[in-house]
Amino acid sequence: MRIAYLEDNAANVALVQRIISMTPHALSIYSDGEEACPHILNREFDLVFMDIELAGKLSGVELVRRIREAGLQVPIIALTAYAMVGDRERCLAAGCTDYLSKPFGVEDFLGMLNKYSP
């Protein structure tokens, strides 16, 4: 499976790289929405894990909206450290498929990965 991971925190990127290295999946990493957007819209990925609070001009929420407006149904898992009341609903309303709050453990991430594997 081809996975896009959008994250601007180096420690989180290192963790996910280690997790994915234990699987047969291919991982592409992007630090901002502008860089990832054309690749996702070009249908290059089977699953997207996205930090909703990305730095840069294109936020995670806005990128999710663009992906959905383009008609793509790729599963998008929102990752955010803001585990406040209403955050899950906000992410789902924006078009995310599911939600995983940070910090997450290896088992949590693998569980989400397995849930959306074809």
PDB file of N, CA and C in Angstrom:
ATOM      1  N   MET A   1       0.845  -1.169   0.000  1.00  0.00           N
ATOM      2  CA  MET A   1       0.000   0.000   0.000  1.00  0.00           C
ATOM      3  C   MET A   1       0.896   1.238   0.000  1.00  0.00           C
ATOM      4  N   ARG A   2       0.455   2.265  -0.700  1.00  0.00           N
ATOM      5  CA  ARG A   2       1.190   3.528  -0.776  1.00  0.00           C
ATOM      6  C   ARG A   2       0.582   4.516   0.217  1.00  0.00           C
ATOM      7  N   ILE A   3       1.415   5.015   1.124  1.00  0.00           N
ATOM      8  CA  ILE A   3       0.946   5.876   2.208  1.00  0.00           C
ATOM      9  C   ILE A   3       1.625   7.234   2.128  1.00  0.00           C
ATOM     10  N   ALA A   4       0.829   8.290   2.228  1.00  0.00           N
ATOM     11  CA  ALA A   4       1.359   9.647   2.359  1.00  0.00           C
ATOM     12  C   ALA A   4       1.282  10.029   3.828  1.00  0.00           C
ATOM     13  N   TYR A   5       2.351  10.643   4.315  1.00  0.00           N
ATOM     14  CA  TYR A   5       2.389  11.115   5.700  1.00  0.00           C
ATOM     15  C   TYR A   5       2.763  12.584   5.676  1.00  0.00           C
ATOM     16  N   LEU A   6       1.854  13.433   6.129  1.00  0.00           N
ATOM     17  CA  LEU A   6       2.069  14.877   6.162  1.00  0.00           C
ATOM     18  C   LEU A   6       2.299  15.300   7.596  1.00  0.00           C
ATOM     19  N   GLU A   7       3.523  15.732   7.871  1.00  0.00           N
ATOM     20  CA  GLU A   7       3.913  16.074   9.239  1.00  0.00           C
ATOM     21  C   GLU A   7       5.093  17.031   9.189  1.00  0.00           C
ATOM     22  N   ASP A   8       5.076  18.054  10.050  1.00  0.00           N
ATOM     23  CA  ASP A   8       6.176  19.017  10.082  1.00  0.00           C
ATOM     24  C   ASP A   8       7.030  18.899  11.344  1.00  0.00           C
ATOM     25  N   ASN A   9       6.837  17.839  12.116  1.00  0.00           N
ATOM     26  CA  ASN A   9       7.622  17.610  13.325  1.00  0.00           C
ATOM     27  C   ASN A   9       8.567  16.428  13.093  1.00  0.00           C
ATOM     28  N   ALA A  10       9.878  16.679  13.189  1.00  0.00           N
ATOM     29  CA  ALA A  10      10.883  15.659  12.872  1.00  0.00           C
ATOM     30  C   ALA A  10      10.775  14.418  13.759  1.00  0.00           C
ATOM     31  N   ALA A  11      10.462  14.584  15.031  1.00  0.00           N
ATOM     32  CA  ALA A  11      10.347  13.435  15.935  1.00  0.00           C
ATOM     33  C   ALA A  11       9.180  12.539  15.529  1.00  0.00           C
ATOM     34  N   ASN A  12       8.063  13.141  15.158  1.00  0.00           N
ATOM     35  CA  ASN A  12       6.911  12.355  14.715  1.00  0.00           C
ATOM     36  C   ASN A  12       7.210  11.638  13.405  1.00  0.00           C
ATOM     37  N   VAL A  13       7.919  12.316  12.502  1.00  0.00           N
ATOM     38  CA  VAL A  13       8.307  11.692  11.235  1.00  0.00           C
ATOM     39  C   VAL A  13       9.187  10.473  11.501  1.00  0.00           C
ATOM     40  N   ALA A  14      10.162  10.607  12.385  1.00  0.00           N
ATOM     41  CA  ALA A  14      11.060   9.493  12.703  1.00  0.00           C
ATOM     42  C   ALA A  14      10.288   8.304  13.277  1.00  0.00           C
ATOM     43  N   LEU A  15       9.327   8.574  14.149  1.00  0.00           N
ATOM     44  CA  LEU A  15       8.513   7.503  14.729  1.00  0.00           C
ATOM     45  C   LEU A  15       7.739   6.760  13.649  1.00  0.00           C
ATOM     46  N   VAL A  16       7.065   7.493  12.783  1.00  0.00           N
ATOM     47  CA  VAL A  16       6.258   6.848  11.744  1.00  0.00           C
ATOM     48  C   VAL A  16       7.149   6.103  10.751  1.00  0.00           C
ATOM     49  N   GLN A  17       8.309   6.642  10.436  1.00  0.00           N
ATOM     50  CA  GLN A  17       9.237   5.915   9.563  1.00  0.00           C
ATOM     51  C   GLN A  17       9.622   4.575  10.180  1.00  0.00           C
ATOM     52  N   ARG A  18       9.888   4.556  11.482  1.00  0.00           N
ATOM     53  CA  ARG A  18      10.230   3.295  12.161  1.00  0.00           C
ATOM     54  C   ARG A  18       9.049   2.325  12.125  1.00  0.00           C
ATOM     55  N   ILE A  19       7.857   2.831  12.364  1.00  0.00           N
ATOM     56  CA  ILE A  19       6.674   1.961  12.348  1.00  0.00           C
ATOM     57  C   ILE A  19       6.476   1.360  10.960  1.00  0.00           C
ATOM     58  N   ILE A  20       6.499   2.202   9.936  1.00  0.00           N
ATOM     59  CA  ILE A  20       6.249   1.726   8.575  1.00  0.00           C
ATOM     60  C   ILE A  20       7.354   0.778   8.109  1.00  0.00           C
ATOM     61  N   SER A  21       8.570   0.955   8.614  1.00  0.00           N
ATOM     62  CA  SER A  21       9.665   0.060   8.215  1.00  0.00           C
ATOM     63  C   SER A  21       9.400  -1.385   8.644  1.00  0.00           C
ATOM     64  N   MET A  22       8.478  -1.589   9.583  1.00  0.00           N
ATOM     65  CA  MET A  22       8.117  -2.934  10.038  1.00  0.00           C
ATOM     66  C   MET A  22       7.018  -3.546   9.175  1.00  0.00           C
ATOM     67  N   THR A  23       6.575  -2.827   8.161  1.00  0.00           N
ATOM     68  CA  THR A  23       5.475  -3.276   7.308  1.00  0.00           C
ATOM     69  C   THR A  23       5.948  -3.351   5.857  1.00  0.00           C
ATOM     70  N   PRO A  24       5.132  -3.932   4.981  1.00  0.00           N
ATOM     71  CA  PRO A  24       5.505  -3.968   3.560  1.00  0.00           C
ATOM     72  C   PRO A  24       5.098  -2.699   2.797  1.00  0.00           C
ATOM     73  N   HIS A  25       4.579  -1.705   3.483  1.00  0.00           N
ATOM     74  CA  HIS A  25       4.030  -0.524   2.825  1.00  0.00           C
ATOM     75  C   HIS A  25       5.105   0.484   2.435  1.00  0.00           C
ATOM     76  N   ALA A  26       4.793   1.294   1.414  1.00  0.00           N
ATOM     77  CA  ALA A  26       5.683   2.364   0.953  1.00  0.00           C
ATOM     78  C   ALA A  26       5.215   3.683   1.553  1.00  0.00           C
ATOM     79  N   LEU A  27       6.158   4.479   2.057  1.00  0.00           N
ATOM     80  CA  LEU A  27       5.833   5.731   2.736  1.00  0.00           C
ATOM     81  C   LEU A  27       6.458   6.912   2.008  1.00  0.00           C
ATOM     82  N   SER A  28       5.641   7.936   1.750  1.00  0.00           N
ATOM     83  CA  SER A  28       6.127   9.215   1.228  1.00  0.00           C
ATOM     84  C   SER A  28       5.825  10.266   2.276  1.00  0.00           C
ATOM     85  N   ILE A  29       6.819  11.103   2.580  1.00  0.00           N
ATOM     86  CA  ILE A  29       6.692  12.088   3.650  1.00  0.00           C
ATOM     87  C   ILE A  29       6.701  13.491   3.063  1.00  0.00           C
ATOM     88  N   TYR A  30       5.779  14.310   3.545  1.00  0.00           N
ATOM     89  CA  TYR A  30       5.682  15.708   3.129  1.00  0.00           C
ATOM     90  C   TYR A  30       5.591  16.572   4.373  1.00  0.00           C
ATOM     91  N   SER A  31       6.260  17.713   4.341  1.00  0.00           N
ATOM     92  CA  SER A  31       6.245  18.602   5.503  1.00  0.00           C
ATOM     93  C   SER A  31       5.209  19.710   5.385  1.00  0.00           C
ATOM     94  N   ASP A  32       4.587  19.833   4.204  1.00  0.00           N
ATOM     95  CA  ASP A  32       3.545  20.850   4.066  1.00  0.00           C
ATOM     96  C   ASP A  32       2.519  20.433   3.017  1.00  0.00           C
ATOM     97  N   GLY A  33       1.366  21.061   3.099  1.00  0.00           N
ATOM     98  CA  GLY A  33       0.263  20.728   2.214  1.00  0.00           C
ATOM     99  C   GLY A  33       0.505  21.082   0.767  1.00  0.00           C
ATOM    100  N   GLU A  34       1.217  22.188   0.521  1.00  0.00           N
ATOM    101  CA  GLU A  34       1.479  22.607  -0.856  1.00  0.00           C
ATOM    102  C   GLU A  34       2.268  21.549  -1.622  1.00  0.00           C
ATOM    103  N   GLU A  35       3.233  20.945  -0.957  1.00  0.00           N
ATOM    104  CA  GLU A  35       4.063  19.925  -1.590  1.00  0.00           C
ATOM    105  C   GLU A  35       3.268  18.640  -1.833  1.00  0.00           C
ATOM    106  N   ALA A  36       2.432  18.265  -0.892  1.00  0.00           N
ATOM    107  CA  ALA A  36       1.699  17.001  -0.977  1.00  0.00           C
ATOM    108  C   ALA A  36       0.495  17.059  -1.904  1.00  0.00           C
ATOM    109  N   CYS A  37      -0.140  18.203  -2.001  1.00  0.00           N
ATOM    110  CA  CYS A  37      -1.416  18.330  -2.704  1.00  0.00           C
ATOM    111  C   CYS A  37      -1.413  17.731  -4.114  1.00  0.00           C
ATOM    112  N   PRO A  38      -0.483  18.099  -4.995  1.00  0.00           N
ATOM    113  CA  PRO A  38      -0.550  17.545  -6.349  1.00  0.00           C
ATOM    114  C   PRO A  38      -0.382  16.029  -6.393  1.00  0.00           C
ATOM    115  N   HIS A  39       0.420  15.483  -5.500  1.00  0.00           N
ATOM    116  CA  HIS A  39       0.630  14.033  -5.477  1.00  0.00           C
ATOM    117  C   HIS A  39      -0.634  13.303  -5.017  1.00  0.00           C
ATOM    118  N   ILE A  40      -1.290  13.853  -4.023  1.00  0.00           N
ATOM    119  CA  ILE A  40      -2.526  13.234  -3.538  1.00  0.00           C
ATOM    120  C   ILE A  40      -3.618  13.353  -4.594  1.00  0.00           C
ATOM    121  N   LEU A  41      -3.752  14.533  -5.187  1.00  0.00           N
ATOM    122  CA  LEU A  41      -4.780  14.731  -6.214  1.00  0.00           C
ATOM    123  C   LEU A  41      -4.511  13.881  -7.452  1.00  0.00           C
ATOM    124  N   ASN A  42      -3.272  13.488  -7.659  1.00  0.00           N
ATOM    125  CA  ASN A  42      -2.903  12.627  -8.782  1.00  0.00           C
ATOM    126  C   ASN A  42      -3.139  11.147  -8.463  1.00  0.00           C
ATOM    127  N   ARG A  43      -3.779  10.889  -7.336  1.00  0.00           N
ATOM    128  CA  ARG A  43      -4.157   9.533  -6.913  1.00  0.00           C
ATOM    129  C   ARG A  43      -2.946   8.612  -6.720  1.00  0.00           C
ATOM    130  N   GLU A  44      -1.874   9.159  -6.144  1.00  0.00           N
ATOM    131  CA  GLU A  44      -0.659   8.376  -5.942  1.00  0.00           C
ATOM    132  C   GLU A  44      -0.683   7.554  -4.654  1.00  0.00           C
ATOM    133  N   PHE A  45      -1.704   7.737  -3.804  1.00  0.00           N
ATOM    134  CA  PHE A  45      -1.698   7.092  -2.492  1.00  0.00           C
ATOM    135  C   PHE A  45      -2.993   6.347  -2.211  1.00  0.00           C
ATOM    136  N   ASP A  46      -2.854   5.285  -1.399  1.00  0.00           N
ATOM    137  CA  ASP A  46      -3.997   4.485  -0.968  1.00  0.00           C
ATOM    138  C   ASP A  46      -4.502   4.915   0.400  1.00  0.00           C
ATOM    139  N   LEU A  47      -3.664   5.651   1.143  1.00  0.00           N
ATOM    140  CA  LEU A  47      -3.998   6.079   2.496  1.00  0.00           C
ATOM    141  C   LEU A  47      -3.181   7.323   2.824  1.00  0.00           C
ATOM    142  N   VAL A  48      -3.806   8.270   3.531  1.00  0.00           N
ATOM    143  CA  VAL A  48      -3.128   9.510   3.911  1.00  0.00           C
ATOM    144  C   VAL A  48      -3.252   9.694   5.420  1.00  0.00           C
ATOM    145  N   PHE A  49      -2.107   9.875   6.082  1.00  0.00           N
ATOM    146  CA  PHE A  49      -2.064  10.294   7.481  1.00  0.00           C
ATOM    147  C   PHE A  49      -1.631  11.749   7.467  1.00  0.00           C
ATOM    148  N   MET A  50      -2.419  12.620   8.103  1.00  0.00           N
ATOM    149  CA  MET A  50      -2.159  14.045   7.979  1.00  0.00           C
ATOM    150  C   MET A  50      -2.270  14.778   9.304  1.00  0.00           C
ATOM    151  N   ASP A  51      -1.201  15.512   9.637  1.00  0.00           N
ATOM    152  CA  ASP A  51      -1.254  16.449  10.758  1.00  0.00           C
ATOM    153  C   ASP A  51      -2.188  17.574  10.329  1.00  0.00           C
ATOM    154  N   ILE A  52      -3.241  17.776  11.061  1.00  0.00           N
ATOM    155  CA  ILE A  52      -4.228  18.789  10.690  1.00  0.00           C
ATOM    156  C   ILE A  52      -3.686  20.198  10.888  1.00  0.00           C
ATOM    157  N   GLU A  53      -2.738  20.370  11.779  1.00  0.00           N
ATOM    158  CA  GLU A  53      -2.178  21.701  12.057  1.00  0.00           C
ATOM    159  C   GLU A  53      -0.839  21.893  11.349  1.00  0.00           C
ATOM    160  N   LEU A  54      -0.806  21.612  10.052  1.00  0.00           N
ATOM    161  CA  LEU A  54       0.418  21.778   9.273  1.00  0.00           C
ATOM    162  C   LEU A  54       0.813  23.240   9.180  1.00  0.00           C
ATOM    163  N   ALA A  55       2.109  23.479   9.194  1.00  0.00           N
ATOM    164  CA  ALA A  55       2.613  24.833   8.955  1.00  0.00           C
ATOM    165  C   ALA A  55       2.539  25.114   7.452  1.00  0.00           C
ATOM    166  N   GLY A  56       2.575  26.363   7.094  1.00  0.00           N
ATOM    167  CA  GLY A  56       2.566  26.726   5.681  1.00  0.00           C
ATOM    168  C   GLY A  56       1.259  27.350   5.258  1.00  0.00           C
ATOM    169  N   LYS A  57       1.158  27.592   3.971  1.00  0.00           N
ATOM    170  CA  LYS A  57      -0.002  28.294   3.413  1.00  0.00           C
ATOM    171  C   LYS A  57      -1.256  27.431   3.367  1.00  0.00           C
ATOM    172  N   LEU A  58      -1.077  26.123   3.250  1.00  0.00           N
ATOM    173  CA  LEU A  58      -2.206  25.215   3.086  1.00  0.00           C
ATOM    174  C   LEU A  58      -2.324  24.329   4.322  1.00  0.00           C
ATOM    175  N   SER A  59      -3.309  24.607   5.163  1.00  0.00           N
ATOM    176  CA  SER A  59      -3.503  23.827   6.391  1.00  0.00           C
ATOM    177  C   SER A  59      -3.998  22.425   6.053  1.00  0.00           C
ATOM    178  N   GLY A  60      -3.904  21.546   7.020  1.00  0.00           N
ATOM    179  CA  GLY A  60      -4.402  20.196   6.830  1.00  0.00           C
ATOM    180  C   GLY A  60      -5.888  20.174   6.528  1.00  0.00           C
ATOM    181  N   VAL A  61      -6.656  20.987   7.238  1.00  0.00           N
ATOM    182  CA  VAL A  61      -8.108  21.035   7.019  1.00  0.00           C
ATOM    183  C   VAL A  61      -8.416  21.508   5.604  1.00  0.00           C
ATOM    184  N   GLU A  62      -7.720  22.532   5.137  1.00  0.00           N
ATOM    185  CA  GLU A  62      -7.947  23.042   3.782  1.00  0.00           C
ATOM    186  C   GLU A  62      -7.544  22.009   2.738  1.00  0.00           C
ATOM    187  N   LEU A  63      -6.455  21.297   2.971  1.00  0.00           N
ATOM    188  CA  LEU A  63      -6.039  20.256   2.033  1.00  0.00           C
ATOM    189  C   LEU A  63      -7.076  19.142   1.964  1.00  0.00           C
ATOM    190  N   VAL A  64      -7.615  18.747   3.097  1.00  0.00           N
ATOM    191  CA  VAL A  64      -8.664  17.721   3.109  1.00  0.00           C
ATOM    192  C   VAL A  64      -9.854  18.194   2.278  1.00  0.00           C
ATOM    193  N   ARG A  65     -10.244  19.436   2.451  1.00  0.00           N
ATOM    194  CA  ARG A  65     -11.374  19.973   1.676  1.00  0.00           C
ATOM    195  C   ARG A  65     -11.091  19.919   0.174  1.00  0.00           C
ATOM    196  N   ARG A  66      -9.887  20.290  -0.225  1.00  0.00           N
ATOM    197  CA  ARG A  66      -9.526  20.247  -1.653  1.00  0.00           C
ATOM    198  C   ARG A  66      -9.580  18.824  -2.194  1.00  0.00           C
ATOM    199  N   ILE A  67      -9.077  17.883  -1.415  1.00  0.00           N
ATOM    200  CA  ILE A  67      -9.085  16.481  -1.840  1.00  0.00           C
ATOM    201  C   ILE A  67     -10.518  16.005  -2.035  1.00  0.00           C
ATOM    202  N   ARG A  68     -11.381  16.309  -1.090  1.00  0.00           N
ATOM    203  CA  ARG A  68     -12.779  15.872  -1.186  1.00  0.00           C
ATOM    204  C   ARG A  68     -13.522  16.601  -2.304  1.00  0.00           C
ATOM    205  N   GLU A  69     -13.241  17.890  -2.487  1.00  0.00           N
ATOM    206  CA  GLU A  69     -13.884  18.640  -3.571  1.00  0.00           C
ATOM    207  C   GLU A  69     -13.488  18.087  -4.937  1.00  0.00           C
ATOM    208  N   ALA A  70     -12.298  17.492  -5.026  1.00  0.00           N
ATOM    209  CA  ALA A  70     -11.838  16.875  -6.272  1.00  0.00           C
ATOM    210  C   ALA A  70     -12.473  15.502  -6.488  1.00  0.00           C
ATOM    211  N   GLY A  71     -13.254  15.038  -5.517  1.00  0.00           N
ATOM    212  CA  GLY A  71     -13.958  13.772  -5.645  1.00  0.00           C
ATOM    213  C   GLY A  71     -13.175  12.548  -5.211  1.00  0.00           C
ATOM    214  N   LEU A  72     -12.009  12.736  -4.628  1.00  0.00           N
ATOM    215  CA  LEU A  72     -11.207  11.598  -4.183  1.00  0.00           C
ATOM    216  C   LEU A  72     -11.749  11.050  -2.868  1.00  0.00           C
ATOM    217  N   GLN A  73     -11.796   9.730  -2.786  1.00  0.00           N
ATOM    218  CA  GLN A  73     -12.301   9.071  -1.583  1.00  0.00           C
ATOM    219  C   GLN A  73     -11.201   8.351  -0.812  1.00  0.00           C
ATOM    220  N   VAL A  74      -9.942   8.698  -1.072  1.00  0.00           N
ATOM    221  CA  VAL A  74      -8.826   8.087  -0.348  1.00  0.00           C
ATOM    222  C   VAL A  74      -9.036   8.294   1.154  1.00  0.00           C
ATOM    223  N   PRO A  75      -8.826   7.261   1.971  1.00  0.00           N
ATOM    224  CA  PRO A  75      -8.960   7.451   3.419  1.00  0.00           C
ATOM    225  C   PRO A  75      -7.922   8.451   3.932  1.00  0.00           C
ATOM    226  N   ILE A  76      -8.379   9.412   4.720  1.00  0.00           N
ATOM    227  CA  ILE A  76      -7.513  10.424   5.321  1.00  0.00           C
ATOM    228  C   ILE A  76      -7.671  10.330   6.832  1.00  0.00           C
ATOM    229  N   ILE A  77      -6.564  10.042   7.512  1.00  0.00           N
ATOM    230  CA  ILE A  77      -6.566   9.936   8.963  1.00  0.00           C
ATOM    231  C   ILE A  77      -5.974  11.221   9.531  1.00  0.00           C
ATOM    232  N   ALA A  78      -6.771  11.949  10.280  1.00  0.00           N
ATOM    233  CA  ALA A  78      -6.312  13.188  10.911  1.00  0.00           C
ATOM    234  C   ALA A  78      -5.460  12.849  12.121  1.00  0.00           C
ATOM    235  N   LEU A  79      -4.314  13.511  12.218  1.00  0.00           N
ATOM    236  CA  LEU A  79      -3.429  13.372  13.373  1.00  0.00           C
ATOM    237  C   LEU A  79      -3.291  14.749  13.996  1.00  0.00           C
ATOM    238  N   THR A  80      -3.602  14.863  15.269  1.00  0.00           N
ATOM    239  CA  THR A  80      -3.479  16.168  15.905  1.00  0.00           C
ATOM    240  C   THR A  80      -3.193  16.038  17.386  1.00  0.00           C
ATOM    241  N   ALA A  81      -2.442  16.972  17.886  1.00  0.00           N
ATOM    242  CA  ALA A  81      -2.147  17.031  19.319  1.00  0.00           C
ATOM    243  C   ALA A  81      -3.260  17.741  20.071  1.00  0.00           C
ATOM    244  N   TYR A  82      -4.172  18.347  19.342  1.00  0.00           N
ATOM    245  CA  TYR A  82      -5.262  19.094  19.955  1.00  0.00           C
ATOM    246  C   TYR A  82      -6.443  18.169  20.210  1.00  0.00           C
ATOM    247  N   ALA A  83      -6.338  17.348  21.236  1.00  0.00           N
ATOM    248  CA  ALA A  83      -7.385  16.378  21.561  1.00  0.00           C
ATOM    249  C   ALA A  83      -8.422  17.023  22.472  1.00  0.00           C
ATOM    250  N   MET A  84      -9.025  18.060  21.982  1.00  0.00           N
ATOM    251  CA  MET A  84     -10.035  18.789  22.743  1.00  0.00           C
ATOM    252  C   MET A  84     -11.424  18.318  22.319  1.00  0.00           C
ATOM    253  N   VAL A  85     -12.402  18.614  23.136  1.00  0.00           N
ATOM    254  CA  VAL A  85     -13.782  18.283  22.810  1.00  0.00           C
ATOM    255  C   VAL A  85     -14.138  18.971  21.495  1.00  0.00           C
ATOM    256  N   GLY A  86     -14.659  18.215  20.561  1.00  0.00           N
ATOM    257  CA  GLY A  86     -15.073  18.763  19.280  1.00  0.00           C
ATOM    258  C   GLY A  86     -14.038  18.643  18.179  1.00  0.00           C
ATOM    259  N   ASP A  87     -12.783  18.334  18.512  1.00  0.00           N
ATOM    260  CA  ASP A  87     -11.746  18.238  17.483  1.00  0.00           C
ATOM    261  C   ASP A  87     -12.011  17.087  16.519  1.00  0.00           C
ATOM    262  N   ARG A  88     -12.392  15.939  17.054  1.00  0.00           N
ATOM    263  CA  ARG A  88     -12.680  14.788  16.190  1.00  0.00           C
ATOM    264  C   ARG A  88     -13.798  15.138  15.220  1.00  0.00           C
ATOM    265  N   GLU A  89     -14.844  15.756  15.732  1.00  0.00           N
ATOM    266  CA  GLU A  89     -15.979  16.129  14.897  1.00  0.00           C
ATOM    267  C   GLU A  89     -15.575  17.152  13.839  1.00  0.00           C
ATOM    268  N   ARG A  90     -14.705  18.105  14.225  1.00  0.00           N
ATOM    269  CA  ARG A  90     -14.239  19.124  13.271  1.00  0.00           C
ATOM    270  C   ARG A  90     -13.465  18.466  12.131  1.00  0.00           C
ATOM    271  N   CYS A  91     -12.609  17.508  12.459  1.00  0.00           N
ATOM    272  CA  CYS A  91     -11.832  16.808  11.439  1.00  0.00           C
ATOM    273  C   CYS A  91     -12.731  15.980  10.523  1.00  0.00           C
ATOM    274  N   LEU A  92     -13.673  15.281  11.108  1.00  0.00           N
ATOM    275  CA  LEU A  92     -14.584  14.469  10.306  1.00  0.00           C
ATOM    276  C   LEU A  92     -15.468  15.345   9.430  1.00  0.00           C
ATOM    277  N   ALA A  93     -15.914  16.480   9.958  1.00  0.00           N
ATOM    278  CA  ALA A  93     -16.737  17.407   9.176  1.00  0.00           C
ATOM    279  C   ALA A  93     -15.961  17.984   7.997  1.00  0.00           C
ATOM    280  N   ALA A  94     -14.655  18.147   8.153  1.00  0.00           N
ATOM    281  CA  ALA A  94     -13.818  18.673   7.066  1.00  0.00           C
ATOM    282  C   ALA A  94     -13.616  17.637   5.965  1.00  0.00           C
ATOM    283  N   GLY A  95     -13.896  16.363   6.271  1.00  0.00           N
ATOM    284  CA  GLY A  95     -13.754  15.321   5.265  1.00  0.00           C
ATOM    285  C   GLY A  95     -12.789  14.214   5.622  1.00  0.00           C
ATOM    286  N   CYS A  96     -12.203  14.271   6.811  1.00  0.00           N
ATOM    287  CA  CYS A  96     -11.314  13.187   7.241  1.00  0.00           C
ATOM    288  C   CYS A  96     -12.128  11.918   7.460  1.00  0.00           C
ATOM    289  N   THR A  97     -11.492  10.796   7.238  1.00  0.00           N
ATOM    290  CA  THR A  97     -12.141   9.503   7.411  1.00  0.00           C
ATOM    291  C   THR A  97     -12.123   9.062   8.862  1.00  0.00           C
ATOM    292  N   ASP A  98     -11.025   9.382   9.545  1.00  0.00           N
ATOM    293  CA  ASP A  98     -10.856   8.961  10.934  1.00  0.00           C
ATOM    294  C   ASP A  98      -9.903   9.925  11.621  1.00  0.00           C
ATOM    295  N   TYR A  99      -9.635   9.673  12.899  1.00  0.00           N
ATOM    296  CA  TYR A  99      -8.914  10.624  13.744  1.00  0.00           C
ATOM    297  C   TYR A  99      -8.046   9.859  14.731  1.00  0.00           C
ATOM    298  N   LEU A 100      -6.796  10.296  14.883  1.00  0.00           N
ATOM    299  CA  LEU A 100      -5.886   9.703  15.857  1.00  0.00           C
ATOM    300  C   LEU A 100      -5.178  10.843  16.572  1.00  0.00           C
ATOM    301  N   SER A 101      -5.320  10.898  17.899  1.00  0.00           N
ATOM    302  CA  SER A 101      -4.710  12.009  18.639  1.00  0.00           C
ATOM    303  C   SER A 101      -3.268  11.682  19.007  1.00  0.00           C
ATOM    304  N   LYS A 102      -2.443  12.724  19.000  1.00  0.00           N
ATOM    305  CA  LYS A 102      -1.036  12.621  19.400  1.00  0.00           C
ATOM    306  C   LYS A 102      -0.929  12.928  20.882  1.00  0.00           C
ATOM    307  N   PRO A 103      -0.003  12.327  21.569  1.00  0.00           N
ATOM    308  CA  PRO A 103       0.919  11.322  21.045  1.00  0.00           C
ATOM    309  C   PRO A 103       0.220   9.976  20.903  1.00  0.00           C
ATOM    310  N   PHE A 104       0.575   9.251  19.880  1.00  0.00           N
ATOM    311  CA  PHE A 104      -0.001   7.923  19.674  1.00  0.00           C
ATOM    312  C   PHE A 104       1.109   6.889  19.804  1.00  0.00           C
ATOM    313  N   GLY A 105       0.720   5.689  20.174  1.00  0.00           N
ATOM    314  CA  GLY A 105       1.674   4.591  20.300  1.00  0.00           C
ATOM    315  C   GLY A 105       1.752   3.787  19.016  1.00  0.00           C
ATOM    316  N   VAL A 106       2.722   2.910  18.962  1.00  0.00           N
ATOM    317  CA  VAL A 106       2.915   2.061  17.790  1.00  0.00           C
ATOM    318  C   VAL A 106       1.656   1.252  17.511  1.00  0.00           C
ATOM    319  N   GLU A 107       1.078   0.659  18.552  1.00  0.00           N
ATOM    320  CA  GLU A 107      -0.119  -0.169  18.365  1.00  0.00           C
ATOM    321  C   GLU A 107      -1.298   0.653  17.856  1.00  0.00           C
ATOM    322  N   ASP A 108      -1.440   1.881  18.341  1.00  0.00           N
ATOM    323  CA  ASP A 108      -2.520   2.754  17.865  1.00  0.00           C
ATOM    324  C   ASP A 108      -2.365   3.029  16.372  1.00  0.00           C
ATOM    325  N   PHE A 109      -1.144   3.372  15.966  1.00  0.00           N
ATOM    326  CA  PHE A 109      -0.892   3.691  14.563  1.00  0.00           C
ATOM    327  C   PHE A 109      -1.110   2.460  13.685  1.00  0.00           C
ATOM    328  N   LEU A 110      -0.551   1.316  14.099  1.00  0.00           N
ATOM    329  CA  LEU A 110      -0.724   0.088  13.322  1.00  0.00           C
ATOM    330  C   LEU A 110      -2.189  -0.331  13.256  1.00  0.00           C
ATOM    331  N   GLY A 111      -2.921  -0.106  14.333  1.00  0.00           N
ATOM    332  CA  GLY A 111      -4.348  -0.413  14.323  1.00  0.00           C
ATOM    333  C   GLY A 111      -5.090   0.398  13.277  1.00  0.00           C
ATOM    334  N   MET A 112      -4.760   1.676  13.186  1.00  0.00           N
ATOM    335  CA  MET A 112      -5.391   2.533  12.190  1.00  0.00           C
ATOM    336  C   MET A 112      -4.959   2.115  10.780  1.00  0.00           C
ATOM    337  N   LEU A 113      -3.692   1.791  10.622  1.00  0.00           N
ATOM    338  CA  LEU A 113      -3.171   1.334   9.334  1.00  0.00           C
ATOM    339  C   LEU A 113      -3.892   0.066   8.888  1.00  0.00           C
ATOM    340  N   ASN A 114      -4.029  -0.886   9.787  1.00  0.00           N
ATOM    341  CA  ASN A 114      -4.707  -2.140   9.453  1.00  0.00           C
ATOM    342  C   ASN A 114      -6.187  -1.930   9.173  1.00  0.00           C
ATOM    343  N   LYS A 115      -6.804  -1.016   9.885  1.00  0.00           N
ATOM    344  CA  LYS A 115      -8.228  -0.735   9.690  1.00  0.00           C
ATOM    345  C   LYS A 115      -8.518  -0.276   8.265  1.00  0.00           C
ATOM    346  N   TYR A 116      -7.580   0.471   7.666  1.00  0.00           N
ATOM    347  CA  TYR A 116      -7.815   1.032   6.337  1.00  0.00           C
ATOM    348  C   TYR A 116      -6.994   0.369   5.237  1.00  0.00           C
ATOM    349  N   SER A 117      -6.357  -0.760   5.533  1.00  0.00           N
ATOM    350  CA  SER A 117      -5.646  -1.513   4.498  1.00  0.00           C
ATOM    351  C   SER A 117      -6.663  -2.237   3.632  1.00  0.00           C
ATOM    352  N   PRO A 118      -6.434  -2.220   2.323  1.00  0.00           N
ATOM    353  CA  PRO A 118      -7.398  -2.909   1.428  1.00  0.00           C
ATOM    354  C   PRO A 118      -7.372  -4.418   1.609  1.00  0.00           C
TER     355      PRO A 118
END
